[in-house]
Amino acid sequence: MPPTDHHGSFLNRISIRRNQVVSMDINHEQELEGLELFHKYVSDRFIQVLPPQSSLLPIAEDEIPVIDTSETFLSIAWFRKLLDVYLCCESEFKAVLIIGRDATHFSKPPLDRLIPEHLDRTVKALDICNAITHGIELIRRWQRLAQIAVEALEQRPLVEGHVRRAKRALNTLLTSMTVDDKESNYHVAKSAERMWSIGRRGGGGVAPPTVKHNRTLSENPRSFSFCFSKSWSASKQIQAMSSNLVFPRGGEPTGLALPVYVMSSVLVLVMSTLVAAVPCQEKAGLGTHIQLPRHLGWAHPMIALQEKIGEEWKRKEKKGTAGLLAEIQVIEKVAHNLVEFADVFEFPVGVEKEDEVAVQVMELAEICRRMEVGLGPLQLQVRELFHRMVRSRAEVLDVMDQVGKVTTPVLY
């Protein structure tokens, strides 16, 4: 071959190699840009659920916390927004992890360890979703007990029989709220029996509506609720999810270690917040924070949210409150006040006292209305969260199975 041809061939090879390097650089830059956009997306979404400072002012012992907006911090509406944030972040994370990705990275360090750990956290989160579903059912029963008290105390003239009926309902409500966490799932059914016994006097063998509701749930093949053993602990489940959650350090060739860490942190934060707000089995020790990197911008709103929830938890834990859900706090405070009124009730009621009680009954009625409207959609959203995590986990496992088949040597 003439020297000129050889020289031309060499230059062609150099040009091809240069184009390959440029292409790799462009792909790497696009990947880094995509990961940065994901981190910014997570940050922006959590900024949306950060509470205004005014809604976090400490409440005096004798003051009823008034819920004056539809998205008060830790209210049902706020939790629906938080779950929407998780679902949106999860969709973006799945796109970063799977779409257009070389699946062989899943079998390389550190993803071969990080992804199975994330999937294991997802399984634990499914258990928590079940516990939250049970907790919402218990809150429904508290709402019905509060509604019984409202209907009794709205009667005019207010006589001793009405007050006694309201007091029985409220005492049952408060007793259920102060029950030990380990017994909470067992007392879901017991609280329904106590509630029905209030209206059972005077005859009538009609089955209680709560029994019918439970039967409907149990007959639904898509229901994922189940009874927990007494050894199951919501706080230990959260601790297990966060025990190996460590910020990735050192070189990482695929660029996916950080987004896996981010999504795992989002998962643990959302699950721990739900457990703190809704009555769940065994919540002692839940106040422990997950350690998030303060030097990274995407973590700042998550850290701020975690600190606000931690402050609320420490304040309420001393009182033995059943949950941080804003509606629960209002019901509990008003119920105590109305029981105190019932203890010293004398007929006829003075005009001033009657007006004072009427204000509290109106507050309780409004909270019951909001719970009636909001608890159903919240429960459906938890169900959607459960099924979304099941589907996403299956999709990731399918990719990992395909990688395993490709990398497994064929035996002849």
Protein backbone atom coordinates (compact mmCIF):
# COMPACT_ATOMS: atom_id res chain seq x y z
CA MET A 1 0.00 0.00 0.00
CA PRO A 2 1.42 3.45 -0.87
CA PRO A 3 2.50 5.60 2.06
CA THR A 4 -0.08 8.24 1.23
CA ASP A 5 -2.91 5.67 1.56
CA HIS A 6 -1.52 4.48 4.86
CA HIS A 7 -1.32 8.05 6.09
CA GLY A 8 -4.92 8.71 5.01
CA SER A 9 -6.15 5.60 6.81
CA PHE A 10 -4.39 6.68 9.98
CA LEU A 11 -6.02 10.12 9.84
CA ASN A 12 -9.43 8.51 9.32
CA ARG A 13 -8.96 6.39 12.42
CA ILE A 14 -7.92 9.46 14.41
CA SER A 15 -11.04 11.31 13.17
CA ILE A 16 -13.35 8.43 14.08
CA ARG A 17 -11.81 8.15 17.54
CA ARG A 18 -12.11 11.90 18.07
CA ASN A 19 -15.79 11.76 17.10
CA GLN A 20 -16.36 8.91 19.55
CA VAL A 21 -14.72 10.88 22.37
CA VAL A 22 -16.79 13.96 21.55
CA SER A 23 -19.94 11.82 21.49
CA MET A 24 -19.06 10.32 24.87
CA ASP A 25 -18.44 13.78 26.30
CA ILE A 26 -21.81 15.01 25.02
CA ASN A 27 -23.61 11.98 26.45
CA HIS A 28 -21.84 12.42 29.77
CA GLU A 29 -22.78 16.11 29.89
CA GLN A 30 -26.39 15.27 29.05
CA GLU A 31 -26.43 12.66 31.80
CA LEU A 32 -25.03 15.10 34.35
CA GLU A 33 -27.57 17.69 33.26
CA GLY A 34 -30.39 15.15 33.67
CA LEU A 35 -29.23 14.21 37.16
CA GLU A 36 -28.95 17.87 38.13
CA LEU A 37 -32.48 18.49 36.85
CA PHE A 38 -33.74 15.57 38.95
CA HIS A 39 -32.11 16.98 42.10
CA LYS A 40 -33.59 20.42 41.37
CA TYR A 41 -36.99 18.85 40.75
CA VAL A 42 -36.92 17.12 44.15
CA SER A 43 -35.88 20.37 45.83
CA ASP A 44 -38.60 22.41 44.13
CA ARG A 45 -41.30 19.91 45.01
CA PHE A 46 -40.37 19.83 48.70
CA ILE A 47 -40.22 23.62 48.83
CA GLN A 48 -43.93 23.52 47.91
CA VAL A 49 -44.81 21.58 51.09
CA LEU A 50 -42.65 23.60 53.49
CA PRO A 51 -45.02 25.18 56.03
CA PRO A 52 -45.25 28.93 56.54
CA GLN A 53 -43.80 30.01 59.86
CA SER A 54 -47.17 31.31 61.05
CA SER A 55 -48.70 27.84 61.04
CA LEU A 56 -45.99 26.55 63.37
CA LEU A 57 -46.43 28.99 66.24
CA PRO A 58 -46.64 27.16 69.59
CA ILE A 59 -50.16 26.59 70.90
CA ALA A 60 -51.00 27.43 74.49
CA GLU A 61 -52.27 24.65 76.73
CA ASP A 62 -55.77 26.14 76.95
CA GLU A 63 -56.00 27.17 73.30
CA ILE A 64 -57.77 25.18 70.60
CA PRO A 65 -55.63 24.94 67.44
CA VAL A 66 -57.83 26.40 64.70
CA ILE A 67 -57.33 25.06 61.19
CA ASP A 68 -57.92 28.14 59.07
CA THR A 69 -56.63 27.06 55.65
CA SER A 70 -57.08 24.01 53.46
CA GLU A 71 -53.37 23.18 53.57
CA THR A 72 -52.40 23.80 57.19
CA PHE A 73 -49.16 22.06 58.11
CA LEU A 74 -49.77 18.37 58.92
CA SER A 75 -53.45 18.56 57.94
CA ILE A 76 -55.13 15.96 55.74
CA ALA A 77 -54.88 18.32 52.74
CA TRP A 78 -51.18 18.85 53.43
CA PHE A 79 -50.51 15.11 53.58
CA ARG A 80 -52.29 14.61 50.29
CA LYS A 81 -49.94 17.21 48.82
CA LEU A 82 -46.94 15.44 50.38
CA LEU A 83 -47.96 12.10 48.86
CA ASP A 84 -48.37 13.81 45.50
CA VAL A 85 -44.80 15.12 45.87
CA TYR A 86 -43.55 11.59 46.50
CA LEU A 87 -45.43 10.14 43.52
CA CYS A 88 -44.05 12.86 41.22
CA CYS A 89 -40.48 12.40 42.49
CA GLU A 90 -40.82 8.63 42.10
CA SER A 91 -41.88 9.02 38.45
CA GLU A 92 -38.91 11.28 37.72
CA PHE A 93 -36.54 8.92 39.51
CA LYS A 94 -37.74 5.94 37.50
CA ALA A 95 -37.16 7.90 34.29
CA VAL A 96 -33.60 8.74 35.40
CA LEU A 97 -32.90 5.18 36.48
CA ILE A 98 -34.35 3.18 33.59
CA ILE A 99 -35.26 5.20 30.48
CA GLY A 100 -32.37 5.37 28.00
CA ARG A 101 -30.05 3.77 30.52
CA ASP A 102 -27.49 1.05 29.85
CA ALA A 103 -28.94 -1.64 32.11
CA THR A 104 -25.57 -3.36 32.53
CA HIS A 105 -24.69 -0.59 35.00
CA PHE A 106 -27.10 -2.28 37.44
CA SER A 107 -24.69 -5.18 37.82
CA LYS A 108 -21.66 -2.97 38.50
CA PRO A 109 -20.57 -1.45 41.82
CA PRO A 110 -22.01 0.43 43.60
CA LEU A 111 -25.44 -0.01 41.96
CA ASP A 112 -25.31 -3.77 42.45
CA ARG A 113 -25.61 -2.97 46.17
CA LEU A 114 -27.53 0.32 46.23
CA ILE A 115 -30.48 -0.73 44.06
CA PRO A 116 -31.26 -3.94 46.04
CA GLU A 117 -31.06 -1.86 49.24
CA HIS A 118 -33.52 0.66 47.78
CA LEU A 119 -35.87 -2.15 46.74
CA ASP A 120 -35.67 -3.56 50.27
CA ARG A 121 -36.69 -0.16 51.67
CA THR A 122 -39.63 -0.23 49.28
CA VAL A 123 -40.81 -3.56 50.70
CA LYS A 124 -40.67 -2.12 54.22
CA ALA A 125 -42.56 0.94 52.97
CA LEU A 126 -45.34 -1.35 51.75
CA ASP A 127 -45.80 -2.58 55.31
CA ILE A 128 -46.00 1.01 56.49
CA CYS A 129 -48.67 1.75 53.88
CA ASN A 130 -50.70 -1.10 55.36
CA ALA A 131 -50.24 0.34 58.85
CA ILE A 132 -51.27 3.81 57.64
CA THR A 133 -54.41 2.32 56.08
CA HIS A 134 -55.34 0.79 59.44
CA GLY A 135 -54.58 4.11 61.13
CA ILE A 136 -56.89 5.99 58.77
CA GLU A 137 -59.65 3.50 59.55
CA LEU A 138 -59.15 4.24 63.24
CA ILE A 139 -59.31 7.99 62.58
CA ARG A 140 -62.57 7.43 60.69
CA ARG A 141 -64.03 5.88 63.84
CA TRP A 142 -62.80 8.79 65.93
CA GLN A 143 -64.53 11.12 63.49
CA ARG A 144 -67.79 9.18 63.84
CA LEU A 145 -67.57 9.33 67.62
CA ALA A 146 -66.97 13.07 67.44
CA GLN A 147 -69.94 13.40 65.09
CA ILE A 148 -72.16 11.62 67.64
CA ALA A 149 -71.12 14.20 70.24
CA VAL A 150 -71.76 17.07 67.82
CA GLU A 151 -75.27 15.87 67.00
CA ALA A 152 -76.08 15.41 70.70
CA LEU A 153 -74.79 18.83 71.78
CA GLU A 154 -76.52 20.64 68.90
CA GLN A 155 -79.92 19.70 70.33
CA ARG A 156 -82.01 22.49 71.81
CA PRO A 157 -82.88 22.73 74.58
CA LEU A 158 -79.70 21.03 75.77
CA VAL A 159 -80.79 18.56 78.43
CA GLU A 160 -78.95 16.04 80.57
CA GLY A 161 -79.67 13.10 78.25
CA HIS A 162 -78.01 14.83 75.30
CA VAL A 163 -74.97 15.73 77.40
CA ARG A 164 -74.61 12.18 78.74
CA ARG A 165 -74.71 10.75 75.21
CA ALA A 166 -72.06 13.22 74.04
CA LYS A 167 -69.90 12.46 77.08
CA ARG A 168 -70.00 8.70 76.44
CA ALA A 169 -68.94 9.21 72.83
CA LEU A 170 -66.13 11.61 73.75
CA ASN A 171 -64.83 9.42 76.56
CA THR A 172 -64.72 6.47 74.17
CA LEU A 173 -62.89 8.68 71.67
CA LEU A 174 -60.30 9.87 74.20
CA THR A 175 -59.78 6.37 75.57
CA SER A 176 -59.10 5.08 72.07
CA MET A 177 -56.66 7.94 71.45
CA THR A 178 -54.62 7.21 74.57
CA VAL A 179 -54.37 3.47 74.00
CA ASP A 180 -50.82 2.07 73.80
CA ASP A 181 -49.44 2.01 70.25
CA LYS A 182 -48.81 -1.73 70.37
CA GLU A 183 -52.53 -2.30 70.76
CA SER A 184 -53.69 0.24 68.19
CA ASN A 185 -54.53 -2.23 65.41
CA TYR A 186 -56.33 -4.52 67.85
CA HIS A 187 -58.35 -1.59 69.16
CA VAL A 188 -59.50 -0.61 65.66
CA ALA A 189 -62.17 -3.29 65.95
CA LYS A 190 -62.71 -2.74 69.69
CA SER A 191 -63.28 0.98 69.25
CA ALA A 192 -65.94 0.21 66.65
CA GLU A 193 -67.70 -2.07 69.14
CA ARG A 194 -67.60 0.59 71.84
CA MET A 195 -68.89 3.22 69.44
CA TRP A 196 -71.80 1.03 68.39
CA SER A 197 -72.66 0.20 71.99
CA ILE A 198 -73.35 3.90 72.58
CA GLY A 199 -76.30 3.83 70.21
CA ARG A 200 -77.37 0.25 70.93
CA ARG A 201 -79.34 1.08 74.08
CA GLY A 202 -83.03 1.07 73.47
CA GLY A 203 -83.07 -1.94 71.17
CA GLY A 204 -82.48 -2.42 67.51
CA GLY A 205 -80.50 -5.36 66.20
CA VAL A 206 -79.21 -3.56 63.14
CA ALA A 207 -75.57 -4.32 62.32
CA PRO A 208 -73.24 -1.35 62.86
CA PRO A 209 -72.14 0.45 59.72
CA THR A 210 -68.47 -0.04 60.62
CA VAL A 211 -68.89 -3.81 60.47
CA LYS A 212 -70.37 -3.50 57.01
CA HIS A 213 -67.49 -1.26 55.94
CA ASN A 214 -64.90 -3.74 57.21
CA ARG A 215 -66.64 -6.61 55.47
CA THR A 216 -66.53 -4.66 52.22
CA LEU A 217 -62.80 -4.14 52.59
CA SER A 218 -62.13 -7.78 53.40
CA GLU A 219 -64.13 -8.99 50.41
CA ASN A 220 -62.22 -6.72 48.04
CA PRO A 221 -59.46 -8.81 46.43
CA ARG A 222 -57.43 -5.65 45.78
CA SER A 223 -57.30 -4.73 49.46
CA PHE A 224 -53.79 -4.86 50.86
CA SER A 225 -54.59 -4.31 54.55
CA PHE A 226 -53.79 -6.98 57.07
CA CYS A 227 -53.50 -7.34 60.82
CA PHE A 228 -50.02 -6.94 62.27
CA SER A 229 -48.47 -9.12 64.92
CA LYS A 230 -47.79 -7.44 68.24
CA SER A 231 -44.05 -7.66 67.57
CA TRP A 232 -44.31 -5.39 64.51
CA SER A 233 -43.13 -1.83 65.13
CA ALA A 234 -43.56 1.16 62.85
CA SER A 235 -40.58 2.98 64.38
CA LYS A 236 -38.32 -0.07 64.00
CA GLN A 237 -39.44 -0.35 60.39
CA ILE A 238 -38.39 3.26 59.78
CA GLN A 239 -35.08 2.67 61.57
CA ALA A 240 -34.41 -0.40 59.42
CA MET A 241 -35.09 1.65 56.28
CA SER A 242 -32.59 4.33 57.31
CA SER A 243 -29.93 2.16 58.97
CA ASN A 244 -27.84 1.71 55.80
CA LEU A 245 -28.84 4.98 54.14
CA VAL A 246 -25.42 6.58 53.68
CA PHE A 247 -24.43 9.45 51.43
CA PRO A 248 -22.36 8.02 48.53
CA ARG A 249 -18.70 8.93 48.57
CA GLY A 250 -15.76 8.45 46.21
CA GLY A 251 -15.74 7.81 42.47
CA GLU A 252 -18.90 6.42 40.92
CA PRO A 253 -18.76 5.69 37.17
CA THR A 254 -22.48 5.47 36.37
CA GLY A 255 -23.57 8.69 38.09
CA LEU A 256 -26.63 6.96 39.58
CA ALA A 257 -25.51 6.46 43.17
CA LEU A 258 -26.61 9.95 44.20
CA PRO A 259 -30.15 9.84 42.70
CA VAL A 260 -30.70 6.41 44.30
CA TYR A 261 -29.64 7.95 47.62
CA VAL A 262 -31.92 10.97 47.05
CA MET A 263 -34.96 8.80 46.29
CA SER A 264 -34.30 6.54 49.26
CA SER A 265 -34.09 9.64 51.48
CA VAL A 266 -37.39 10.92 50.07
CA LEU A 267 -38.99 7.53 50.73
CA VAL A 268 -37.80 7.37 54.35
CA LEU A 269 -38.79 10.99 55.05
CA VAL A 270 -42.32 10.58 53.66
CA MET A 271 -42.90 7.26 55.42
CA SER A 272 -41.65 8.54 58.78
CA THR A 273 -43.86 11.64 58.46
CA LEU A 274 -46.92 9.47 57.79
CA VAL A 275 -46.13 7.27 60.78
CA ALA A 276 -45.74 10.33 63.03
CA ALA A 277 -49.08 11.77 61.94
CA VAL A 278 -51.35 8.72 61.79
CA PRO A 279 -51.88 6.24 64.66
CA CYS A 280 -49.60 3.30 63.97
CA GLN A 281 -48.36 0.36 65.96
CA GLU A 282 -45.39 1.19 68.22
CA LYS A 283 -44.02 4.64 67.36
CA ALA A 284 -41.62 5.07 70.29
CA GLY A 285 -38.24 6.42 69.21
CA LEU A 286 -39.54 7.77 65.92
CA GLY A 287 -38.04 11.22 66.47
CA THR A 288 -34.60 10.18 65.16
CA HIS A 289 -33.67 12.18 62.02
CA ILE A 290 -32.13 10.77 58.88
CA GLN A 291 -28.77 12.39 58.19
CA LEU A 292 -28.98 14.45 55.01
CA PRO A 293 -26.00 16.29 53.46
CA ARG A 294 -26.34 19.96 54.37
CA HIS A 295 -23.78 21.02 51.76
CA LEU A 296 -26.05 20.06 48.85
CA GLY A 297 -28.84 22.39 47.76
CA TRP A 298 -31.45 19.73 47.00
CA ALA A 299 -31.38 18.56 50.63
CA HIS A 300 -32.14 21.95 52.24
CA PRO A 301 -35.98 21.87 51.98
CA MET A 302 -36.03 18.22 53.11
CA ILE A 303 -33.86 19.07 56.14
CA ALA A 304 -36.11 22.05 56.98
CA LEU A 305 -39.23 19.90 56.74
CA GLN A 306 -37.67 17.17 58.87
CA GLU A 307 -36.71 19.68 61.56
CA LYS A 308 -40.22 21.17 61.67
CA ILE A 309 -41.78 17.74 62.02
CA GLY A 310 -39.21 16.84 64.68
CA GLU A 311 -40.17 19.93 66.70
CA GLU A 312 -43.85 18.97 66.51
CA TRP A 313 -43.06 15.38 67.45
CA LYS A 314 -41.07 16.33 70.56
CA ARG A 315 -43.79 18.71 71.68
CA LYS A 316 -46.64 16.27 71.18
CA GLU A 317 -44.83 13.13 72.30
CA LYS A 318 -44.70 14.46 75.88
CA LYS A 319 -48.48 14.70 75.91
CA GLY A 320 -48.99 11.23 74.48
CA THR A 321 -50.91 12.55 71.47
CA ALA A 322 -52.17 9.82 69.13
CA GLY A 323 -50.70 11.51 66.05
CA LEU A 324 -49.48 14.79 64.61
CA LEU A 325 -52.36 15.05 62.13
CA ALA A 326 -53.78 18.55 62.66
CA GLU A 327 -57.38 17.35 62.68
CA ILE A 328 -56.61 14.80 65.40
CA GLN A 329 -55.09 17.52 67.58
CA VAL A 330 -58.20 19.69 67.24
CA ILE A 331 -60.57 16.82 68.02
CA GLU A 332 -58.55 15.79 71.07
CA LYS A 333 -58.43 19.33 72.50
CA VAL A 334 -62.11 20.06 71.92
CA ALA A 335 -63.12 16.64 73.27
CA HIS A 336 -61.31 17.33 76.56
CA ASN A 337 -63.02 20.70 76.88
CA LEU A 338 -66.48 19.29 76.20
CA VAL A 339 -65.98 16.42 78.66
CA GLU A 340 -65.08 18.98 81.32
CA PHE A 341 -68.29 20.84 80.48
CA ALA A 342 -70.30 17.61 80.72
CA ASP A 343 -68.82 16.78 84.13
CA VAL A 344 -70.25 19.96 85.68
CA PHE A 345 -73.40 20.21 83.54
CA GLU A 346 -76.53 21.55 85.20
CA PHE A 347 -79.86 22.25 83.56
CA PRO A 348 -80.72 24.87 82.49
CA VAL A 349 -77.49 26.08 80.91
CA GLY A 350 -76.63 29.76 81.22
CA VAL A 351 -76.60 31.79 78.02
CA GLU A 352 -72.90 32.60 78.27
CA LYS A 353 -71.91 28.97 78.86
CA GLU A 354 -74.22 27.78 76.10
CA ASP A 355 -72.61 30.18 73.62
CA GLU A 356 -69.13 29.03 74.68
CA VAL A 357 -70.04 25.39 74.16
CA ALA A 358 -71.73 26.20 70.84
CA VAL A 359 -68.47 27.68 69.51
CA GLN A 360 -66.55 24.52 70.38
CA VAL A 361 -69.26 22.29 68.93
CA MET A 362 -69.11 24.29 65.70
CA GLU A 363 -65.33 23.83 65.62
CA LEU A 364 -65.72 20.09 66.16
CA ALA A 365 -68.43 19.88 63.50
CA GLU A 366 -66.20 21.66 60.97
CA ILE A 367 -63.30 19.29 61.65
CA CYS A 368 -65.63 16.31 61.31
CA ARG A 369 -66.77 17.66 57.96
CA ARG A 370 -63.20 18.09 56.72
CA MET A 371 -62.30 14.60 57.88
CA GLU A 372 -65.37 13.16 56.19
CA VAL A 373 -64.33 14.85 52.95
CA GLY A 374 -60.58 14.26 53.17
CA LEU A 375 -59.96 10.86 54.74
CA GLY A 376 -61.41 8.88 51.83
CA PRO A 377 -59.21 10.52 49.17
CA LEU A 378 -56.20 10.27 51.49
CA GLN A 379 -56.76 6.55 51.92
CA LEU A 380 -57.10 6.10 48.16
CA GLN A 381 -53.84 8.01 47.70
CA VAL A 382 -52.05 5.71 50.14
CA ARG A 383 -53.44 2.79 48.14
CA GLU A 384 -52.16 4.36 44.93
CA LEU A 385 -48.76 4.85 46.58
CA PHE A 386 -48.73 1.17 47.54
CA HIS A 387 -49.51 -0.06 44.04
CA ARG A 388 -47.12 2.43 42.43
CA MET A 389 -44.24 1.12 44.55
CA VAL A 390 -45.17 -2.47 43.71
CA ARG A 391 -45.18 -1.71 39.98
CA SER A 392 -41.95 0.29 40.05
CA ARG A 393 -40.19 -2.40 42.03
CA ALA A 394 -41.32 -5.03 39.53
CA GLU A 395 -40.05 -2.92 36.62
CA VAL A 396 -36.61 -2.53 38.19
CA LEU A 397 -36.46 -6.25 38.99
CA ASP A 398 -37.33 -7.04 35.34
CA VAL A 399 -34.40 -4.93 34.18
CA MET A 400 -32.08 -6.62 36.67
CA ASP A 401 -33.29 -10.05 35.53
CA GLN A 402 -32.56 -9.18 31.92
CA VAL A 403 -29.07 -8.00 32.87
CA GLY A 404 -28.53 -11.26 34.72
CA LYS A 405 -29.48 -13.27 31.65
CA VAL A 406 -27.13 -11.27 29.43
CA THR A 407 -24.15 -11.51 31.77
CA THR A 408 -24.63 -15.21 32.59
CA PRO A 409 -22.23 -17.33 30.49
CA VAL A 410 -23.88 -19.87 28.19
CA LEU A 411 -22.95 -23.48 28.93
CA TYR A 412 -22.38 -25.63 25.86
